[in-house]
Amino acid sequence: VGSQWGDEGKGKIVDWLSSRADVVVRFQGGHN
């Protein structure tokens, strides 16, 4: 989760973690 108002660089971190994960789940929001 982002700890501020978004735009914290989640994409890079999630990508780094997703290389180690088997499943990635989006759980809220839309295409904004």
All heavy atoms as atom14 arrays in JSON, in Angstrom:
{
  "sequence": "VGSQWGDEGKGKIVDWLSSRADVVVRFQGGHN",
  "atom14_mask": [
    [1, 1, 1, 1, 1, 1, 1, 0, 0, 0, 0, 0, 0, 0],
    [1, 1, 1, 1, 0, 0, 0, 0, 0, 0, 0, 0, 0, 0],
    [1, 1, 1, 1, 1, 1, 0, 0, 0, 0, 0, 0, 0, 0],
    [1, 1, 1, 1, 1, 1, 1, 1, 1, 0, 0, 0, 0, 0],
    [1, 1, 1, 1, 1, 1, 1, 1, 1, 1, 1, 1, 1, 1],
    [1, 1, 1, 1, 0, 0, 0, 0, 0, 0, 0, 0, 0, 0],
    [1, 1, 1, 1, 1, 1, 1, 1, 0, 0, 0, 0, 0, 0],
    [1, 1, 1, 1, 1, 1, 1, 1, 1, 0, 0, 0, 0, 0],
    [1, 1, 1, 1, 0, 0, 0, 0, 0, 0, 0, 0, 0, 0],
    [1, 1, 1, 1, 1, 1, 1, 1, 1, 0, 0, 0, 0, 0],
    [1, 1, 1, 1, 0, 0, 0, 0, 0, 0, 0, 0, 0, 0],
    [1, 1, 1, 1, 1, 1, 1, 1, 1, 0, 0, 0, 0, 0],
    [1, 1, 1, 1, 1, 1, 1, 1, 0, 0, 0, 0, 0, 0],
    [1, 1, 1, 1, 1, 1, 1, 0, 0, 0, 0, 0, 0, 0],
    [1, 1, 1, 1, 1, 1, 1, 1, 0, 0, 0, 0, 0, 0],
    [1, 1, 1, 1, 1, 1, 1, 1, 1, 1, 1, 1, 1, 1],
    [1, 1, 1, 1, 1, 1, 1, 1, 0, 0, 0, 0, 0, 0],
    [1, 1, 1, 1, 1, 1, 0, 0, 0, 0, 0, 0, 0, 0],
    [1, 1, 1, 1, 1, 1, 0, 0, 0, 0, 0, 0, 0, 0],
    [1, 1, 1, 1, 1, 1, 1, 1, 1, 1, 1, 0, 0, 0],
    [1, 1, 1, 1, 1, 0, 0, 0, 0, 0, 0, 0, 0, 0],
    [1, 1, 1, 1, 1, 1, 1, 1, 0, 0, 0, 0, 0, 0],
    [1, 1, 1, 1, 1, 1, 1, 0, 0, 0, 0, 0, 0, 0],
    [1, 1, 1, 1, 1, 1, 1, 0, 0, 0, 0, 0, 0, 0],
    [1, 1, 1, 1, 1, 1, 1, 0, 0, 0, 0, 0, 0, 0],
    [1, 1, 1, 1, 1, 1, 1, 1, 1, 1, 1, 0, 0, 0],
    [1, 1, 1, 1, 1, 1, 1, 1, 1, 1, 1, 0, 0, 0],
    [1, 1, 1, 1, 1, 1, 1, 1, 1, 0, 0, 0, 0, 0],
    [1, 1, 1, 1, 0, 0, 0, 0, 0, 0, 0, 0, 0, 0],
    [1, 1, 1, 1, 0, 0, 0, 0, 0, 0, 0, 0, 0, 0],
    [1, 1, 1, 1, 1, 1, 1, 1, 1, 1, 0, 0, 0, 0],
    [1, 1, 1, 1, 1, 1, 1, 1, 0, 0, 0, 0, 0, 0]
  ],
  "atom14_positions": [
    [[0.85, -1.19, 0.0], [0.0, 0.0, 0.0], [0.89, 1.24, 0.0], [1.98, 1.23, 0.55], [-0.95, 0.05, 1.22], [-1.98, -1.04, 1.15], [-0.18, -0.04, 2.53], [0.0, 0.0, 0.0], [0.0, 0.0, 0.0], [0.0, 0.0, 0.0], [0.0, 0.0, 0.0], [0.0, 0.0, 0.0], [0.0, 0.0, 0.0], [0.0, 0.0, 0.0]],
    [[0.4, 2.3, -0.6], [1.1, 3.57, -0.53], [0.84, 4.24, 0.81], [-0.28, 4.22, 1.31], [0.0, 0.0, 0.0], [0.0, 0.0, 0.0], [0.0, 0.0, 0.0], [0.0, 0.0, 0.0], [0.0, 0.0, 0.0], [0.0, 0.0, 0.0], [0.0, 0.0, 0.0], [0.0, 0.0, 0.0], [0.0, 0.0, 0.0], [0.0, 0.0, 0.0]],
    [[1.87, 4.83, 1.4], [1.71, 5.42, 2.73], [1.44, 6.92, 2.7], [1.19, 7.51, 3.75], [2.96, 5.15, 3.57], [4.07, 5.83, 3.03], [0.0, 0.0, 0.0], [0.0, 0.0, 0.0], [0.0, 0.0, 0.0], [0.0, 0.0, 0.0], [0.0, 0.0, 0.0], [0.0, 0.0, 0.0], [0.0, 0.0, 0.0], [0.0, 0.0, 0.0]],
    [[1.47, 7.52, 1.5], [1.24, 8.95, 1.38], [0.01, 9.19, 0.51], [-1.05, 8.65, 0.82], [2.53, 9.61, 0.84], [3.72, 9.47, 1.83], [5.07, 9.49, 1.16], [5.29, 8.8, 0.17], [6.02, 10.24, 1.69], [0.0, 0.0, 0.0], [0.0, 0.0, 0.0], [0.0, 0.0, 0.0], [0.0, 0.0, 0.0], [0.0, 0.0, 0.0]],
    [[0.13, 10.02, -0.52], [-1.03, 10.29, -1.39], [-0.91, 9.58, -2.74], [-1.43, 10.03, -3.74], [-1.19, 11.8, -1.61], [-1.81, 12.52, -0.47], [-3.11, 12.44, -0.06], [-1.2, 13.48, 0.39], [-3.34, 13.27, 1.01], [-2.17, 13.93, 1.32], [0.09, 14.0, 0.48], [-1.9, 14.87, 2.3], [0.36, 14.94, 1.47], [-0.63, 15.36, 2.36]],
    [[-0.24, 8.47, -2.76], [-0.02, 7.78, -4.01], [1.24, 8.26, -4.69], [1.96, 9.14, -4.17], [0.0, 0.0, 0.0], [0.0, 0.0, 0.0], [0.0, 0.0, 0.0], [0.0, 0.0, 0.0], [0.0, 0.0, 0.0], [0.0, 0.0, 0.0], [0.0, 0.0, 0.0], [0.0, 0.0, 0.0], [0.0, 0.0, 0.0], [0.0, 0.0, 0.0]],
    [[1.55, 7.69, -5.83], [2.73, 8.07, -6.62], [4.03, 7.87, -5.85], [5.01, 8.58, -6.05], [2.64, 9.54, -7.08], [1.34, 9.84, -7.79], [1.02, 9.16, -8.76], [0.62, 10.76, -7.35], [0.0, 0.0, 0.0], [0.0, 0.0, 0.0], [0.0, 0.0, 0.0], [0.0, 0.0, 0.0], [0.0, 0.0, 0.0], [0.0, 0.0, 0.0]],
    [[4.07, 6.88, -4.95], [5.25, 6.65, -4.12], [6.3, 5.76, -4.79], [7.35, 5.49, -4.22], [4.87, 6.01, -2.78], [3.94, 6.84, -1.9], [2.49, 6.43, -2.05], [2.19, 5.69, -3.04], [1.65, 6.85, -1.25], [0.0, 0.0, 0.0], [0.0, 0.0, 0.0], [0.0, 0.0, 0.0], [0.0, 0.0, 0.0], [0.0, 0.0, 0.0]],
    [[6.03, 5.32, -5.99], [6.93, 4.38, -6.65], [6.53, 2.94, -6.45], [7.38, 2.04, -6.44], [0.0, 0.0, 0.0], [0.0, 0.0, 0.0], [0.0, 0.0, 0.0], [0.0, 0.0, 0.0], [0.0, 0.0, 0.0], [0.0, 0.0, 0.0], [0.0, 0.0, 0.0], [0.0, 0.0, 0.0], [0.0, 0.0, 0.0], [0.0, 0.0, 0.0]],
    [[5.21, 2.71, -6.29], [4.73, 1.36, -6.05], [5.03, 0.44, -7.22], [5.28, -0.75, -7.03], [3.21, 1.37, -5.78], [2.79, 2.0, -4.48], [1.32, 1.8, -4.16], [0.43, 2.49, -5.18], [0.58, 3.96, -5.2], [0.0, 0.0, 0.0], [0.0, 0.0, 0.0], [0.0, 0.0, 0.0], [0.0, 0.0, 0.0], [0.0, 0.0, 0.0]],
    [[5.0, 1.0, -8.44], [5.19, 0.17, -9.61], [6.5, -0.6, -9.58], [6.54, -1.81, -9.78], [0.0, 0.0, 0.0], [0.0, 0.0, 0.0], [0.0, 0.0, 0.0], [0.0, 0.0, 0.0], [0.0, 0.0, 0.0], [0.0, 0.0, 0.0], [0.0, 0.0, 0.0], [0.0, 0.0, 0.0], [0.0, 0.0, 0.0], [0.0, 0.0, 0.0]],
    [[7.59, 0.11, -9.28], [8.89, -0.54, -9.24], [8.96, -1.58, -8.13], [9.45, -2.7, -8.33], [9.99, 0.51, -9.05], [11.36, -0.14, -8.97], [12.24, 0.5, -7.98], [13.49, -0.27, -7.7], [14.65, 0.57, -7.46], [0.0, 0.0, 0.0], [0.0, 0.0, 0.0], [0.0, 0.0, 0.0], [0.0, 0.0, 0.0], [0.0, 0.0, 0.0]],
    [[8.47, -1.22, -6.94], [8.55, -2.14, -5.81], [7.66, -3.36, -6.04], [8.06, -4.5, -5.77], [8.17, -1.43, -4.49], [9.12, -0.27, -4.22], [8.17, -2.42, -3.33], [10.57, -0.66, -4.05], [0.0, 0.0, 0.0], [0.0, 0.0, 0.0], [0.0, 0.0, 0.0], [0.0, 0.0, 0.0], [0.0, 0.0, 0.0], [0.0, 0.0, 0.0]],
    [[6.46, -3.13, -6.55], [5.56, -4.24, -6.83], [6.16, -5.15, -7.89], [6.08, -6.38, -7.81], [4.16, -3.74, -7.25], [3.32, -4.87, -7.81], [3.44, -3.1, -6.07], [0.0, 0.0, 0.0], [0.0, 0.0, 0.0], [0.0, 0.0, 0.0], [0.0, 0.0, 0.0], [0.0, 0.0, 0.0], [0.0, 0.0, 0.0], [0.0, 0.0, 0.0]],
    [[6.77, -4.54, -8.89], [7.42, -5.35, -9.91], [8.55, -6.18, -9.32], [8.71, -7.36, -9.62], [7.96, -4.45, -11.03], [8.79, -5.24, -12.03], [8.27, -6.21, -12.58], [9.96, -4.89, -12.21], [0.0, 0.0, 0.0], [0.0, 0.0, 0.0], [0.0, 0.0, 0.0], [0.0, 0.0, 0.0], [0.0, 0.0, 0.0], [0.0, 0.0, 0.0]],
    [[9.35, -5.57, -8.45], [10.44, -6.27, -7.79], [9.9, -7.43, -6.97], [10.43, -8.54, -7.0], [11.22, -5.3, -6.91], [12.48, -5.86, -6.34], [13.72, -5.86, -6.92], [12.64, -6.52, -5.08], [14.63, -6.47, -6.09], [14.0, -6.88, -4.95], [11.78, -6.83, -4.04], [14.5, -7.54, -3.84], [12.27, -7.48, -2.92], [13.61, -7.83, -2.83]],
    [[8.81, -7.21, -6.25], [8.2, -8.26, -5.44], [7.51, -9.31, -6.31], [7.52, -10.5, -5.98], [7.2, -7.66, -4.46], [7.78, -6.83, -3.31], [6.68, -6.06, -2.6], [8.53, -7.71, -2.33], [0.0, 0.0, 0.0], [0.0, 0.0, 0.0], [0.0, 0.0, 0.0], [0.0, 0.0, 0.0], [0.0, 0.0, 0.0], [0.0, 0.0, 0.0]],
    [[6.91, -8.86, -7.41], [6.17, -9.8, -8.26], [7.09, -10.82, -8.9], [6.65, -11.92, -9.26], [5.38, -9.05, -9.34], [6.22, -8.48, -10.31], [0.0, 0.0, 0.0], [0.0, 0.0, 0.0], [0.0, 0.0, 0.0], [0.0, 0.0, 0.0], [0.0, 0.0, 0.0], [0.0, 0.0, 0.0], [0.0, 0.0, 0.0], [0.0, 0.0, 0.0]],
    [[8.38, -10.48, -9.04], [9.32, -11.46, -9.57], [9.5, -12.62, -8.59], [9.94, -13.71, -8.98], [10.67, -10.79, -9.85], [11.31, -10.38, -8.65], [0.0, 0.0, 0.0], [0.0, 0.0, 0.0], [0.0, 0.0, 0.0], [0.0, 0.0, 0.0], [0.0, 0.0, 0.0], [0.0, 0.0, 0.0], [0.0, 0.0, 0.0], [0.0, 0.0, 0.0]],
    [[9.14, -12.41, -7.33], [9.25, -13.43, -6.3], [7.89, -14.05, -5.95], [7.84, -15.06, -5.26], [9.86, -12.81, -5.03], [11.25, -12.2, -5.27], [11.71, -11.34, -4.1], [11.7, -12.07, -2.86], [12.55, -12.97, -2.5], [13.52, -13.28, -3.33], [12.47, -13.6, -1.35], [0.0, 0.0, 0.0], [0.0, 0.0, 0.0], [0.0, 0.0, 0.0]],
    [[6.81, -13.41, -6.41], [5.46, -13.9, -6.11], [4.99, -14.87, -7.19], [5.53, -14.93, -8.29], [4.49, -12.72, -6.0], [0.0, 0.0, 0.0], [0.0, 0.0, 0.0], [0.0, 0.0, 0.0], [0.0, 0.0, 0.0], [0.0, 0.0, 0.0], [0.0, 0.0, 0.0], [0.0, 0.0, 0.0], [0.0, 0.0, 0.0], [0.0, 0.0, 0.0]],
    [[3.96, -15.63, -6.84], [3.31, -16.51, -7.81], [2.03, -15.88, -8.37], [1.64, -16.15, -9.5], [2.96, -17.85, -7.16], [4.19, -18.56, -6.6], [5.09, -18.88, -7.39], [4.24, -18.79, -5.37], [0.0, 0.0, 0.0], [0.0, 0.0, 0.0], [0.0, 0.0, 0.0], [0.0, 0.0, 0.0], [0.0, 0.0, 0.0], [0.0, 0.0, 0.0]],
    [[1.41, -15.04, -7.54], [0.12, -14.44, -7.87], [0.16, -12.96, -7.46], [0.65, -12.63, -6.39], [-1.04, -15.14, -7.14], [-2.38, -14.59, -7.6], [-0.97, -16.64, -7.32], [0.0, 0.0, 0.0], [0.0, 0.0, 0.0], [0.0, 0.0, 0.0], [0.0, 0.0, 0.0], [0.0, 0.0, 0.0], [0.0, 0.0, 0.0], [0.0, 0.0, 0.0]],
    [[-0.38, -12.09, -8.32], [-0.49, -10.67, -7.99], [-1.96, -10.27, -8.11], [-2.58, -10.49, -9.16], [0.38, -9.79, -8.91], [0.28, -8.33, -8.47], [1.84, -10.25, -8.88], [0.0, 0.0, 0.0], [0.0, 0.0, 0.0], [0.0, 0.0, 0.0], [0.0, 0.0, 0.0], [0.0, 0.0, 0.0], [0.0, 0.0, 0.0], [0.0, 0.0, 0.0]],
    [[-2.49, -9.65, -7.05], [-3.91, -9.31, -6.98], [-4.09, -7.8, -6.81], [-3.56, -7.22, -5.86], [-4.6, -10.03, -5.8], [-6.1, -9.73, -5.79], [-4.35, -11.53, -5.83], [0.0, 0.0, 0.0], [0.0, 0.0, 0.0], [0.0, 0.0, 0.0], [0.0, 0.0, 0.0], [0.0, 0.0, 0.0], [0.0, 0.0, 0.0], [0.0, 0.0, 0.0]],
    [[-4.81, -7.15, -7.73], [-5.27, -5.77, -7.52], [-6.54, -5.82, -6.7], [-7.46, -6.58, -7.0], [-5.55, -5.09, -8.86], [-4.41, -4.34, -9.46], [-4.12, -2.98, -8.84], [-5.24, -2.09, -8.77], [-5.62, -1.24, -9.73], [-4.94, -1.2, -10.86], [-6.65, -0.44, -9.58], [0.0, 0.0, 0.0], [0.0, 0.0, 0.0], [0.0, 0.0, 0.0]],
    [[-6.64, -4.99, -5.64], [-7.78, -5.12, -4.75], [-8.66, -3.88, -4.62], [-9.67, -3.91, -3.92], [-7.33, -5.59, -3.36], [-6.37, -4.67, -2.64], [-6.82, -3.57, -1.93], [-5.01, -4.94, -2.63], [-5.95, -2.74, -1.25], [-4.12, -4.12, -1.96], [-4.59, -3.02, -1.26], [0.0, 0.0, 0.0], [0.0, 0.0, 0.0], [0.0, 0.0, 0.0]],
    [[-8.33, -2.77, -5.26], [-9.19, -1.59, -5.22], [-8.79, -0.64, -6.34], [-7.77, -0.84, -7.01], [-9.12, -0.87, -3.88], [-7.77, -0.46, -3.38], [-7.18, 0.83, -3.97], [-5.99, 0.92, -4.17], [-8.01, 1.85, -4.21], [0.0, 0.0, 0.0], [0.0, 0.0, 0.0], [0.0, 0.0, 0.0], [0.0, 0.0, 0.0], [0.0, 0.0, 0.0]],
    [[-9.59, 0.41, -6.52], [-9.3, 1.43, -7.51], [-9.81, 1.08, -8.89], [-10.48, 0.07, -9.11], [0.0, 0.0, 0.0], [0.0, 0.0, 0.0], [0.0, 0.0, 0.0], [0.0, 0.0, 0.0], [0.0, 0.0, 0.0], [0.0, 0.0, 0.0], [0.0, 0.0, 0.0], [0.0, 0.0, 0.0], [0.0, 0.0, 0.0], [0.0, 0.0, 0.0]],
    [[-9.47, 1.93, -9.82], [-9.85, 1.72, -11.21], [-8.68, 1.99, -12.12], [-7.53, 1.79, -11.73], [0.0, 0.0, 0.0], [0.0, 0.0, 0.0], [0.0, 0.0, 0.0], [0.0, 0.0, 0.0], [0.0, 0.0, 0.0], [0.0, 0.0, 0.0], [0.0, 0.0, 0.0], [0.0, 0.0, 0.0], [0.0, 0.0, 0.0], [0.0, 0.0, 0.0]],
    [[-8.95, 2.47, -13.32], [-7.86, 2.69, -14.27], [-7.3, 4.12, -14.18], [-6.7, 4.61, -15.12], [-8.3, 2.38, -15.7], [-9.42, 3.21, -16.24], [-10.62, 3.34, -15.6], [-9.52, 3.97, -17.36], [-11.41, 4.14, -16.3], [-10.76, 4.53, -17.36], [0.0, 0.0, 0.0], [0.0, 0.0, 0.0], [0.0, 0.0, 0.0], [0.0, 0.0, 0.0]],
    [[-7.49, 4.73, -12.99], [-6.82, 6.0, -12.73], [-5.47, 5.77, -12.08], [-4.64, 6.69, -12.02], [-7.67, 6.9, -11.84], [-8.03, 6.25, -10.51], [-7.98, 5.02, -10.37], [-8.39, 7.06, -9.53], [0.0, 0.0, 0.0], [0.0, 0.0, 0.0], [0.0, 0.0, 0.0], [0.0, 0.0, 0.0], [0.0, 0.0, 0.0], [0.0, 0.0, 0.0]]
  ]
}
